[in-house]
């Protein structure tokens, strides 16, 4: 009767791969250290002066006198502006802004649908959400602001051709006090 072949006969592939990787890592580390020392010009095998020893004696620094700092702020400013008050800002533009309102909806998804229709026509719209007394929350779809009435009328005619009714809205900007 023949003996069955043993599984342990022959070499195992795992040991030779591990040994090769380990030898490669060691050689790579040695080469990396050698290149780093060569590039920096450091020779660890050189006998002689230590790197920590000072080459020249350092003279003690003389103490700085305690004087008050001098500020040249008033010398830098021109003479005529040192006592003058700053100029008041120009009054804000109070001309009304023109918008085209394409709709006002209580549901946000309806306002989004109209905004998408306008976007397909190449018209950029904004949804303004506000609380209105006795009506609840309204989502207004507005186009603008327009600087002139001619611009608003051109957009209005484009929307009329596409069966989207709009209303011209004039909004006067509120003046806010600046601190």
Protein backbone atom coordinates (compact mmCIF):
# COMPACT_ATOMS: atom_id res chain seq x y z
CA UNK A 1 0.00 0.00 0.00
CA UNK A 2 1.24 3.49 -0.88
CA UNK A 3 1.72 6.14 1.70
CA UNK A 4 -0.32 9.34 1.28
CA UNK A 5 1.73 12.40 0.37
CA UNK A 6 2.39 14.77 3.24
CA UNK A 7 1.26 18.35 2.93
CA UNK A 8 4.36 19.62 4.73
CA UNK A 9 6.77 18.35 2.15
CA UNK A 10 8.40 21.17 0.24
CA UNK A 11 8.65 24.88 0.88
CA UNK A 12 5.95 27.08 2.06
CA UNK A 13 5.43 30.17 -0.18
CA UNK A 14 4.48 32.50 2.69
CA UNK A 15 7.87 32.44 4.43
CA UNK A 16 9.88 33.38 1.35
CA UNK A 17 7.57 36.31 0.48
CA UNK A 18 7.71 37.67 4.03
CA UNK A 19 11.51 37.34 4.11
CA UNK A 20 11.86 39.19 0.79
CA UNK A 21 9.61 42.05 1.89
CA UNK A 22 11.49 42.39 5.20
CA UNK A 23 14.89 42.50 3.48
CA UNK A 24 13.58 45.11 0.99
CA UNK A 25 12.29 47.33 3.79
CA UNK A 26 15.60 47.18 5.66
CA UNK A 27 17.64 48.02 2.55
CA UNK A 28 15.24 50.87 1.67
CA UNK A 29 15.49 52.38 5.16
CA UNK A 30 19.30 52.25 5.09
CA UNK A 31 19.39 53.90 1.67
CA UNK A 32 16.95 56.61 2.78
CA UNK A 33 19.09 57.49 5.81
CA UNK A 34 22.22 57.54 3.66
CA UNK A 35 20.67 59.84 1.05
CA UNK A 36 19.35 62.17 3.78
CA UNK A 37 22.80 62.43 5.39
CA UNK A 38 24.46 62.98 2.01
CA UNK A 39 21.94 65.70 1.00
CA UNK A 40 22.33 67.64 4.26
CA UNK A 41 26.11 67.29 4.34
CA UNK A 42 26.15 65.76 7.80
CA UNK A 43 28.81 63.15 8.45
CA UNK A 44 28.08 61.26 11.69
CA UNK A 45 31.41 59.40 11.49
CA UNK A 46 33.59 62.53 11.41
CA UNK A 47 35.64 63.05 14.54
CA UNK A 48 36.36 66.50 15.81
CA UNK A 49 34.14 69.38 16.79
CA UNK A 50 30.82 68.66 18.32
CA UNK A 51 27.78 70.23 16.72
CA UNK A 52 26.63 71.69 20.04
CA UNK A 53 29.88 73.54 20.81
CA UNK A 54 29.73 77.28 20.07
CA UNK A 55 32.25 78.51 17.53
CA UNK A 56 32.50 82.12 18.77
CA UNK A 57 32.02 83.50 22.23
CA UNK A 58 28.81 85.46 22.47
CA UNK A 59 29.06 88.91 24.03
CA UNK A 60 26.34 89.67 26.56
CA UNK A 61 23.67 91.97 25.19
CA UNK A 62 23.55 95.43 26.70
CA UNK A 63 20.28 96.11 28.49
CA UNK A 64 17.86 98.32 26.54
CA UNK A 65 16.94 101.57 28.25
CA UNK A 66 13.36 101.80 29.50
CA UNK A 67 11.90 104.58 27.40
CA UNK A 68 8.35 105.28 26.46
CA UNK A 69 7.44 104.34 22.88
CA UNK A 70 7.00 107.24 20.52
CA UNK A 71 3.99 107.29 18.25
CA UNK A 72 4.08 109.34 15.08
CA UNK A 73 0.33 109.24 14.54
CA UNK A 74 -0.21 112.98 14.61
CA UNK A 75 2.81 113.64 12.41
CA UNK A 76 1.48 111.33 9.69
CA UNK A 77 -1.93 113.02 9.39
CA UNK A 78 -2.23 116.07 7.17
CA UNK A 79 -2.77 119.33 9.05
CA UNK A 80 -6.16 120.16 7.56
CA UNK A 81 -7.90 116.89 8.47
CA UNK A 82 -6.76 116.51 12.07
CA UNK A 83 -9.60 118.63 13.47
CA UNK A 84 -12.28 118.19 10.79
CA UNK A 85 -15.25 115.88 11.27
CA UNK A 86 -15.69 112.99 8.84
CA UNK A 87 -17.90 113.71 5.87
CA UNK A 88 -21.52 112.63 6.15
CA UNK A 89 -22.50 109.89 3.73
CA UNK A 90 -24.61 110.82 0.75
CA UNK A 91 -28.33 110.19 1.22
CA UNK A 92 -29.44 106.79 0.01
CA UNK A 93 -31.24 106.47 -3.28
CA UNK A 94 -34.96 106.72 -2.59
CA UNK A 95 -36.18 105.99 -6.12
CA UNK A 96 -38.65 103.12 -6.06
CA UNK A 97 -37.50 99.72 -7.23
CA UNK A 98 -39.60 98.03 -9.86
CA UNK A 99 -40.53 94.36 -9.62
CA UNK A 100 -42.83 92.11 -11.59
CA UNK A 101 -44.87 89.84 -9.33
CA UNK A 102 -45.90 86.66 -11.10
CA UNK A 103 -47.88 85.21 -8.22
CA UNK A 104 -48.49 84.88 -4.50
CA UNK A 105 -49.16 81.43 -3.07
CA UNK A 106 -49.90 79.98 0.33
CA UNK A 107 -48.10 76.74 -0.56
CA UNK A 108 -44.35 76.87 -1.17
CA UNK A 109 -44.40 74.10 -3.78
CA UNK A 110 -46.71 76.12 -6.03
CA UNK A 111 -44.31 79.06 -5.83
CA UNK A 112 -41.41 76.75 -6.69
CA UNK A 113 -43.29 75.43 -9.74
CA UNK A 114 -43.85 78.94 -11.07
CA UNK A 115 -40.22 79.85 -10.43
CA UNK A 116 -39.18 76.76 -12.44
CA UNK A 117 -41.47 77.78 -15.33
CA UNK A 118 -39.88 81.22 -15.35
CA UNK A 119 -36.41 79.71 -15.29
CA UNK A 120 -37.24 77.68 -18.40
CA UNK A 121 -38.05 80.96 -20.14
CA UNK A 122 -34.71 82.43 -19.05
CA UNK A 123 -36.21 84.74 -16.44
CA UNK A 124 -34.67 84.74 -12.98
CA UNK A 125 -37.19 84.94 -10.16
CA UNK A 126 -37.00 85.13 -6.38
CA UNK A 127 -39.44 83.75 -3.83
CA UNK A 128 -40.14 86.14 -0.95
CA UNK A 129 -41.87 84.59 2.05
CA UNK A 130 -43.76 86.91 4.39
CA UNK A 131 -46.48 86.85 7.01
CA UNK A 132 -49.60 88.78 5.98
CA UNK A 133 -52.32 89.68 8.48
CA UNK A 134 -55.56 87.67 8.06
CA UNK A 135 -54.03 85.65 5.20
CA UNK A 136 -51.18 83.73 6.83
CA UNK A 137 -47.88 83.01 5.10
CA UNK A 138 -47.58 84.09 1.46
CA UNK A 139 -44.85 83.04 -0.96
CA UNK A 140 -44.46 85.79 -3.57
CA UNK A 141 -42.73 85.04 -6.87
CA UNK A 142 -41.01 88.24 -7.99
CA UNK A 143 -38.81 89.16 -10.92
CA UNK A 144 -36.40 92.07 -10.67
CA UNK A 145 -35.48 94.67 -9.51
CA UNK A 146 -35.57 96.65 -12.73
CA UNK A 147 -33.83 100.02 -13.07
CA UNK A 148 -36.17 101.41 -15.71
CA UNK A 149 -39.76 100.87 -16.70
CA UNK A 150 -38.63 99.86 -20.22
CA UNK A 151 -36.74 96.85 -18.84
CA UNK A 152 -39.80 95.80 -16.85
CA UNK A 153 -42.08 96.20 -19.89
CA UNK A 154 -39.80 94.05 -22.08
CA UNK A 155 -39.90 91.24 -19.52
CA UNK A 156 -43.64 91.73 -19.06
CA UNK A 157 -44.27 91.30 -22.81
CA UNK A 158 -42.15 88.10 -22.87
CA UNK A 159 -44.20 86.66 -20.03
CA UNK A 160 -47.49 87.74 -21.65
CA UNK A 161 -46.51 85.82 -24.79
CA UNK A 162 -46.13 82.72 -22.61
CA UNK A 163 -49.48 83.23 -20.82
CA UNK A 164 -47.95 84.22 -17.46
CA UNK A 165 -49.76 87.24 -16.01
CA UNK A 166 -47.63 89.61 -13.93
CA UNK A 167 -48.26 92.71 -11.85
CA UNK A 168 -45.91 95.69 -11.64
CA UNK A 169 -44.87 96.37 -8.04
CA UNK A 170 -43.07 99.52 -6.90
CA UNK A 171 -41.13 99.19 -3.68
CA UNK A 172 -39.58 102.20 -1.96
CA UNK A 173 -36.40 101.22 -0.12
CA UNK A 174 -36.37 102.07 3.57
CA UNK A 175 -33.56 104.19 4.87
CA UNK A 176 -31.66 102.59 7.68
CA UNK A 177 -29.59 104.56 10.11
CA UNK A 178 -25.96 103.54 10.17
CA UNK A 179 -24.16 103.48 13.50
